[in-house]
PDB file of N, CA and C in Angstrom:
ATOM      1  N   UNK A   1     170.462-239.203 132.168  1.00  0.00           N
ATOM      2  CA  UNK A   1     169.825-237.913 132.083  1.00  0.00           C
ATOM      3  C   UNK A   1     169.734-237.295 133.470  1.00  0.00           C
ATOM      4  N   UNK A   2     169.593-236.011 133.458  1.00  0.00           N
ATOM      5  CA  UNK A   2     169.502-235.322 134.739  1.00  0.00           C
ATOM      6  C   UNK A   2     168.063-235.298 135.223  1.00  0.00           C
ATOM      7  N   UNK A   3     167.943-235.160 136.507  1.00  0.00           N
ATOM      8  CA  UNK A   3     166.617-235.092 137.116  1.00  0.00           C
ATOM      9  C   UNK A   3     166.058-233.677 136.910  1.00  0.00           C
ATOM     10  N   UNK A   4     164.875-233.578 136.314  1.00  0.00           N
ATOM     11  CA  UNK A   4     164.258-232.278 136.041  1.00  0.00           C
ATOM     12  C   UNK A   4     163.475-231.835 137.266  1.00  0.00           C
ATOM     13  N   UNK A   5     163.772-230.617 137.729  1.00  0.00           N
ATOM     14  CA  UNK A   5     163.033-230.057 138.858  1.00  0.00           C
ATOM     15  C   UNK A   5     162.002-229.086 138.295  1.00  0.00           C
ATOM     16  N   UNK A   6     160.738-229.403 138.468  1.00  0.00           N
ATOM     17  CA  UNK A   6     159.653-228.583 137.952  1.00  0.00           C
ATOM     18  C   UNK A   6     159.398-227.399 138.885  1.00  0.00           C
ATOM     19  N   UNK A   7     159.062-226.265 138.283  1.00  0.00           N
ATOM     20  CA  UNK A   7     158.697-225.099 139.086  1.00  0.00           C
ATOM     21  C   UNK A   7     157.364-225.360 139.774  1.00  0.00           C
ATOM     22  N   UNK A   8     156.409-225.899 139.015  1.00  0.00           N
ATOM     23  CA  UNK A   8     155.111-226.273 139.571  1.00  0.00           C
ATOM     24  C   UNK A   8     155.102-227.791 139.699  1.00  0.00           C
ATOM     25  N   UNK A   9     154.814-228.242 140.883  1.00  0.00           N
ATOM     26  CA  UNK A   9     154.785-229.688 141.102  1.00  0.00           C
ATOM     27  C   UNK A   9     153.650-230.301 140.290  1.00  0.00           C
ATOM     28  N   UNK A  10     153.899-231.415 139.621  1.00  0.00           N
ATOM     29  CA  UNK A  10     152.858-232.030 138.780  1.00  0.00           C
ATOM     30  C   UNK A  10     151.582-232.379 139.556  1.00  0.00           C
ATOM     31  N   UNK A  11     151.700-232.670 140.848  1.00  0.00           N
ATOM     32  CA  UNK A  11     150.509-233.003 141.633  1.00  0.00           C
ATOM     33  C   UNK A  11     149.595-231.791 141.820  1.00  0.00           C
ATOM     34  N   UNK A  12     150.159-230.596 141.771  1.00  0.00           N
ATOM     35  CA  UNK A  12     149.376-229.377 142.005  1.00  0.00           C
ATOM     36  C   UNK A  12     149.049-228.633 140.708  1.00  0.00           C
ATOM     37  N   UNK A  13     149.247-229.264 139.580  1.00  0.00           N
ATOM     38  CA  UNK A  13     149.005-228.607 138.302  1.00  0.00           C
ATOM     39  C   UNK A  13     147.535-228.201 138.152  1.00  0.00           C
ATOM     40  N   UNK A  14     146.614-229.038 138.576  1.00  0.00           N
ATOM     41  CA  UNK A  14     145.186-228.727 138.475  1.00  0.00           C
ATOM     42  C   UNK A  14     144.808-227.494 139.271  1.00  0.00           C
ATOM     43  N   UNK A  15     145.367-227.361 140.467  1.00  0.00           N
ATOM     44  CA  UNK A  15     145.103-226.187 141.298  1.00  0.00           C
ATOM     45  C   UNK A  15     145.593-224.919 140.615  1.00  0.00           C
ATOM     46  N   UNK A  16     146.772-224.973 140.020  1.00  0.00           N
ATOM     47  CA  UNK A  16     147.311-223.812 139.321  1.00  0.00           C
ATOM     48  C   UNK A  16     146.475-223.456 138.095  1.00  0.00           C
ATOM     49  N   UNK A  17     146.017-224.453 137.385  1.00  0.00           N
ATOM     50  CA  UNK A  17     145.189-224.194 136.202  1.00  0.00           C
ATOM     51  C   UNK A  17     143.874-223.547 136.622  1.00  0.00           C
ATOM     52  N   UNK A  18     143.247-224.073 137.667  1.00  0.00           N
ATOM     53  CA  UNK A  18     141.974-223.527 138.131  1.00  0.00           C
ATOM     54  C   UNK A  18     142.137-222.091 138.637  1.00  0.00           C
ATOM     55  N   UNK A  19     143.178-221.836 139.415  1.00  0.00           N
ATOM     56  CA  UNK A  19     143.368-220.483 139.948  1.00  0.00           C
ATOM     57  C   UNK A  19     143.718-219.498 138.829  1.00  0.00           C
ATOM     58  N   UNK A  20     144.472-219.939 137.840  1.00  0.00           N
ATOM     59  CA  UNK A  20     144.796-219.074 136.705  1.00  0.00           C
ATOM     60  C   UNK A  20     143.545-218.752 135.896  1.00  0.00           C
ATOM     61  N   UNK A  21     142.674-219.743 135.716  1.00  0.00           N
ATOM     62  CA  UNK A  21     141.432-219.529 134.982  1.00  0.00           C
ATOM     63  C   UNK A  21     140.535-218.532 135.714  1.00  0.00           C
ATOM     64  N   UNK A  22     140.428-218.668 137.022  1.00  0.00           N
ATOM     65  CA  UNK A  22     139.613-217.740 137.815  1.00  0.00           C
ATOM     66  C   UNK A  22     140.192-216.329 137.742  1.00  0.00           C
ATOM     67  N   UNK A  23     141.495-216.211 137.808  1.00  0.00           N
ATOM     68  CA  UNK A  23     142.140-214.901 137.702  1.00  0.00           C
ATOM     69  C   UNK A  23     141.895-214.277 136.328  1.00  0.00           C
ATOM     70  N   UNK A  24     141.937-215.093 135.279  1.00  0.00           N
ATOM     71  CA  UNK A  24     141.672-214.587 133.930  1.00  0.00           C
ATOM     72  C   UNK A  24     140.223-214.120 133.797  1.00  0.00           C
ATOM     73  N   UNK A  25     139.277-214.842 134.390  1.00  0.00           N
ATOM     74  CA  UNK A  25     137.878-214.418 134.358  1.00  0.00           C
ATOM     75  C   UNK A  25     137.680-213.107 135.106  1.00  0.00           C
ATOM     76  N   UNK A  26     138.360-212.955 136.229  1.00  0.00           N
ATOM     77  CA  UNK A  26     138.280-211.710 136.991  1.00  0.00           C
ATOM     78  C   UNK A  26     138.837-210.541 136.177  1.00  0.00           C
ATOM     79  N   UNK A  27     139.951-210.763 135.501  1.00  0.00           N
ATOM     80  CA  UNK A  27     140.534-209.711 134.659  1.00  0.00           C
ATOM     81  C   UNK A  27     139.601-209.351 133.509  1.00  0.00           C
ATOM     82  N   UNK A  28     138.932-210.342 132.936  1.00  0.00           N
ATOM     83  CA  UNK A  28     137.973-210.082 131.866  1.00  0.00           C
ATOM     84  C   UNK A  28     136.801-209.245 132.376  1.00  0.00           C
ATOM     85  N   UNK A  29     136.296-209.575 133.554  1.00  0.00           N
ATOM     86  CA  UNK A  29     135.174-208.823 134.129  1.00  0.00           C
ATOM     87  C   UNK A  29     135.577-207.378 134.400  1.00  0.00           C
ATOM     88  N   UNK A  30     136.755-207.166 134.947  1.00  0.00           N
ATOM     89  CA  UNK A  30     137.230-205.803 135.224  1.00  0.00           C
ATOM     90  C   UNK A  30     137.386-205.021 133.921  1.00  0.00           C
ATOM     91  N   UNK A  31     137.906-205.669 132.890  1.00  0.00           N
ATOM     92  CA  UNK A  31     138.074-204.998 131.600  1.00  0.00           C
ATOM     93  C   UNK A  31     136.728-204.624 130.990  1.00  0.00           C
ATOM     94  N   UNK A  32     135.757-205.525 131.053  1.00  0.00           N
ATOM     95  CA  UNK A  32     134.434-205.236 130.494  1.00  0.00           C
ATOM     96  C   UNK A  32     133.748-204.098 131.244  1.00  0.00           C
ATOM     97  N   UNK A  33     133.902-204.067 132.559  1.00  0.00           N
ATOM     98  CA  UNK A  33     133.325-202.974 133.353  1.00  0.00           C
ATOM     99  C   UNK A  33     133.988-201.648 132.975  1.00  0.00           C
ATOM    100  N   UNK A  34     135.293-201.663 132.798  1.00  0.00           N
ATOM    101  CA  UNK A  34     136.004-200.449 132.389  1.00  0.00           C
ATOM    102  C   UNK A  34     135.565-199.953 131.024  1.00  0.00           C
ATOM    103  N   UNK A  35     135.372-200.863 130.086  1.00  0.00           N
ATOM    104  CA  UNK A  35     134.910-200.480 128.753  1.00  0.00           C
ATOM    105  C   UNK A  35     133.519-199.872 128.835  1.00  0.00           C
ATOM    106  N   UNK A  36     132.640-200.478 129.618  1.00  0.00           N
ATOM    107  CA  UNK A  36     131.274-199.965 129.759  1.00  0.00           C
ATOM    108  C   UNK A  36     131.275-198.560 130.362  1.00  0.00           C
ATOM    109  N   UNK A  37     132.088-198.347 131.383  1.00  0.00           N
ATOM    110  CA  UNK A  37     132.150-197.018 132.014  1.00  0.00           C
ATOM    111  C   UNK A  37     132.692-195.977 131.045  1.00  0.00           C
ATOM    112  N   UNK A  38     133.724-196.346 130.285  1.00  0.00           N
ATOM    113  CA  UNK A  38     134.279-195.407 129.311  1.00  0.00           C
ATOM    114  C   UNK A  38     133.259-195.055 128.243  1.00  0.00           C
ATOM    115  N   UNK A  39     132.467-196.042 127.832  1.00  0.00           N
ATOM    116  CA  UNK A  39     131.444-195.801 126.819  1.00  0.00           C
ATOM    117  C   UNK A  39     130.392-194.828 127.350  1.00  0.00           C
ATOM    118  N   UNK A  40     129.970-195.012 128.606  1.00  0.00           N
ATOM    119  CA  UNK A  40     128.972-194.120 129.200  1.00  0.00           C
ATOM    120  C   UNK A  40     129.516-192.701 129.349  1.00  0.00           C
ATOM    121  N   UNK A  41     130.752-192.576 129.789  1.00  0.00           N
ATOM    122  CA  UNK A  41     131.353-191.248 129.965  1.00  0.00           C
ATOM    123  C   UNK A  41     131.486-190.549 128.615  1.00  0.00           C
ATOM    124  N   UNK A  42     131.884-191.283 127.588  1.00  0.00           N
ATOM    125  CA  UNK A  42     132.010-190.685 126.258  1.00  0.00           C
ATOM    126  C   UNK A  42     130.657-190.225 125.745  1.00  0.00           C
ATOM    127  N   UNK A  43     129.620-191.011 125.976  1.00  0.00           N
ATOM    128  CA  UNK A  43     128.271-190.635 125.529  1.00  0.00           C
ATOM    129  C   UNK A  43     127.798-189.370 126.245  1.00  0.00           C
ATOM    130  N   UNK A  44     128.001-189.313 127.552  1.00  0.00           N
ATOM    131  CA  UNK A  44     127.581-188.137 128.321  1.00  0.00           C
ATOM    132  C   UNK A  44     128.376-186.905 127.889  1.00  0.00           C
ATOM    133  N   UNK A  45     129.672-187.070 127.667  1.00  0.00           N
ATOM    134  CA  UNK A  45     130.504-185.939 127.243  1.00  0.00           C
ATOM    135  C   UNK A  45     130.056-185.413 125.884  1.00  0.00           C
ATOM    136  N   UNK A  46     129.750-186.320 124.963  1.00  0.00           N
ATOM    137  CA  UNK A  46     129.294-185.895 123.641  1.00  0.00           C
ATOM    138  C   UNK A  46     127.962-185.159 123.741  1.00  0.00           C
ATOM    139  N   UNK A  47     127.075-185.643 124.596  1.00  0.00           N
ATOM    140  CA  UNK A  47     125.781-184.977 124.765  1.00  0.00           C
ATOM    141  C   UNK A  47     125.970-183.573 125.334  1.00  0.00           C
ATOM    142  N   UNK A  48     126.876-183.419 126.291  1.00  0.00           N
ATOM    143  CA  UNK A  48     127.132-182.100 126.867  1.00  0.00           C
ATOM    144  C   UNK A  48     127.755-181.158 125.843  1.00  0.00           C
ATOM    145  N   UNK A  49     128.653-181.674 125.008  1.00  0.00           N
ATOM    146  CA  UNK A  49     129.268-180.840 123.973  1.00  0.00           C
ATOM    147  C   UNK A  49     128.213-180.380 122.973  1.00  0.00           C
ATOM    148  N   UNK A  50     127.316-181.273 122.583  1.00  0.00           N
ATOM    149  CA  UNK A  50     126.252-180.890 121.655  1.00  0.00           C
ATOM    150  C   UNK A  50     125.328-179.843 122.269  1.00  0.00           C
ATOM    151  N   UNK A  51     125.013-179.987 123.553  1.00  0.00           N
ATOM    152  CA  UNK A  51     124.153-179.014 124.218  1.00  0.00           C
ATOM    153  C   UNK A  51     124.854-177.650 124.306  1.00  0.00           C
ATOM    154  N   UNK A  52     126.134-177.646 124.621  1.00  0.00           N
ATOM    155  CA  UNK A  52     126.879-176.385 124.667  1.00  0.00           C
ATOM    156  C   UNK A  52     126.948-175.744 123.285  1.00  0.00           C
ATOM    157  N   UNK A  53     127.097-176.562 122.255  1.00  0.00           N
ATOM    158  CA  UNK A  53     127.128-176.039 120.893  1.00  0.00           C
ATOM    159  C   UNK A  53     125.802-175.373 120.544  1.00  0.00           C
ATOM    160  N   UNK A  54     124.689-175.983 120.953  1.00  0.00           N
ATOM    161  CA  UNK A  54     123.373-175.382 120.700  1.00  0.00           C
ATOM    162  C   UNK A  54     123.231-174.058 121.445  1.00  0.00           C
ATOM    163  N   UNK A  55     123.738-173.994 122.674  1.00  0.00           N
ATOM    164  CA  UNK A  55     123.666-172.753 123.445  1.00  0.00           C
ATOM    165  C   UNK A  55     124.490-171.655 122.780  1.00  0.00           C
ATOM    166  N   UNK A  56     125.665-171.993 122.295  1.00  0.00           N
ATOM    167  CA  UNK A  56     126.524-171.002 121.639  1.00  0.00           C
ATOM    168  C   UNK A  56     125.867-170.499 120.362  1.00  0.00           C
ATOM    169  N   UNK A  57     125.301-171.422 119.582  1.00  0.00           N
ATOM    170  CA  UNK A  57     124.617-171.003 118.355  1.00  0.00           C
ATOM    171  C   UNK A  57     123.423-170.106 118.673  1.00  0.00           C
ATOM    172  N   UNK A  58     122.688-170.426 119.730  1.00  0.00           N
ATOM    173  CA  UNK A  58     121.536-169.610 120.115  1.00  0.00           C
ATOM    174  C   UNK A  58     121.985-168.218 120.556  1.00  0.00           C
ATOM    175  N   UNK A  59     123.080-168.138 121.286  1.00  0.00           N
ATOM    176  CA  UNK A  59     123.585-166.830 121.720  1.00  0.00           C
ATOM    177  C   UNK A  59     124.083-166.014 120.533  1.00  0.00           C
ATOM    178  N   UNK A  60     124.698-166.681 119.556  1.00  0.00           N
ATOM    179  CA  UNK A  60     125.176-165.970 118.372  1.00  0.00           C
ATOM    180  C   UNK A  60     124.018-165.436 117.534  1.00  0.00           C
ATOM    181  N   UNK A  61     122.895-166.124 117.534  1.00  0.00           N
ATOM    182  CA  UNK A  61     121.728-165.684 116.767  1.00  0.00           C
ATOM    183  C   UNK A  61     120.862-164.709 117.563  1.00  0.00           C
ATOM    184  N   UNK A  62     121.163-164.495 118.820  1.00  0.00           N
ATOM    185  CA  UNK A  62     120.410-163.567 119.642  1.00  0.00           C
ATOM    186  C   UNK A  62     119.175-164.177 120.271  1.00  0.00           C
ATOM    187  N   UNK A  63     119.057-165.483 120.245  1.00  0.00           N
ATOM    188  CA  UNK A  63     117.912-166.154 120.849  1.00  0.00           C
ATOM    189  C   UNK A  63     118.253-166.529 122.282  1.00  0.00           C
ATOM    190  N   UNK A  64     117.229-166.956 123.009  1.00  0.00           N
ATOM    191  CA  UNK A  64     117.494-167.444 124.362  1.00  0.00           C
ATOM    192  C   UNK A  64     118.027-168.865 124.268  1.00  0.00           C
ATOM    193  N   UNK A  65     119.036-169.195 125.049  1.00  0.00           N
ATOM    194  CA  UNK A  65     119.602-170.549 124.982  1.00  0.00           C
ATOM    195  C   UNK A  65     118.621-171.578 125.531  1.00  0.00           C
ATOM    196  N   UNK A  66     118.725-172.826 125.066  1.00  0.00           N
ATOM    197  CA  UNK A  66     117.848-173.869 125.603  1.00  0.00           C
ATOM    198  C   UNK A  66     118.118-174.099 127.085  1.00  0.00           C
ATOM    199  N   UNK A  67     117.100-174.585 127.779  1.00  0.00           N
ATOM    200  CA  UNK A  67     117.216-174.809 129.225  1.00  0.00           C
ATOM    201  C   UNK A  67     118.214-175.920 129.510  1.00  0.00           C
ATOM    202  N   UNK A  68     118.827-175.839 130.676  1.00  0.00           N
ATOM    203  CA  UNK A  68     119.779-176.865 131.093  1.00  0.00           C
ATOM    204  C   UNK A  68     119.044-178.162 131.384  1.00  0.00           C
ATOM    205  N   UNK A  69     119.770-179.255 131.290  1.00  0.00           N
ATOM    206  CA  UNK A  69     119.149-180.548 131.570  1.00  0.00           C
ATOM    207  C   UNK A  69     118.809-180.650 133.053  1.00  0.00           C
ATOM    208  N   UNK A  70     117.829-181.460 133.344  1.00  0.00           N
ATOM    209  CA  UNK A  70     117.369-181.603 134.732  1.00  0.00           C
ATOM    210  C   UNK A  70     117.916-182.878 135.342  1.00  0.00           C
ATOM    211  N   UNK A  71     119.212-183.074 135.227  1.00  0.00           N
ATOM    212  CA  UNK A  71     119.834-184.245 135.824  1.00  0.00           C
ATOM    213  C   UNK A  71     120.077-183.979 137.302  1.00  0.00           C
ATOM    214  N   UNK A  72     119.963-185.048 138.094  1.00  0.00           N
ATOM    215  CA  UNK A  72     120.187-184.938 139.529  1.00  0.00           C
ATOM    216  C   UNK A  72     121.674-185.115 139.787  1.00  0.00           C
ATOM    217  N   UNK A  73     122.276-184.133 140.438  1.00  0.00           N
ATOM    218  CA  UNK A  73     123.683-184.230 140.791  1.00  0.00           C
ATOM    219  C   UNK A  73     123.816-184.968 142.117  1.00  0.00           C
ATOM    220  N   UNK A  74     124.998-185.505 142.409  1.00  0.00           N
ATOM    221  CA  UNK A  74     125.168-186.234 143.676  1.00  0.00           C
ATOM    222  C   UNK A  74     124.862-185.387 144.906  1.00  0.00           C
ATOM    223  N   UNK A  75     125.080-184.063 144.837  1.00  0.00           N
ATOM    224  CA  UNK A  75     124.797-183.217 145.991  1.00  0.00           C
ATOM    225  C   UNK A  75     123.296-183.122 146.239  1.00  0.00           C
ATOM    226  N   UNK A  76     122.488-183.178 145.170  1.00  0.00           N
ATOM    227  CA  UNK A  76     121.043-183.060 145.316  1.00  0.00           C
ATOM    228  C   UNK A  76     120.408-184.335 145.851  1.00  0.00           C
ATOM    229  N   UNK A  77     121.084-185.462 145.706  1.00  0.00           N
ATOM    230  CA  UNK A  77     120.536-186.736 146.173  1.00  0.00           C
ATOM    231  C   UNK A  77     120.509-186.823 147.686  1.00  0.00           C
ATOM    232  N   UNK A  78     121.387-186.092 148.352  1.00  0.00           N
ATOM    233  CA  UNK A  78     121.509-186.196 149.809  1.00  0.00           C
ATOM    234  C   UNK A  78     120.335-185.602 150.517  1.00  0.00           C
TER     235      UNK A  78
END
């Protein structure tokens, strides 16, 4: 039989497994953070759309529109 040349040396297999596992955990953490941020942005966008819809309905009925939200913008924090 021929001599098999391994890409990963058998003596270093544990190191490769450990580093691959750590890399997979890092990828999982990045994915979870991305999902959380997307969820927050979608929630805020939906809230803004609903508020704009209420303002449009109020203007169509001739009433005064509801007051804007009192959120602090990044420029106001400085």
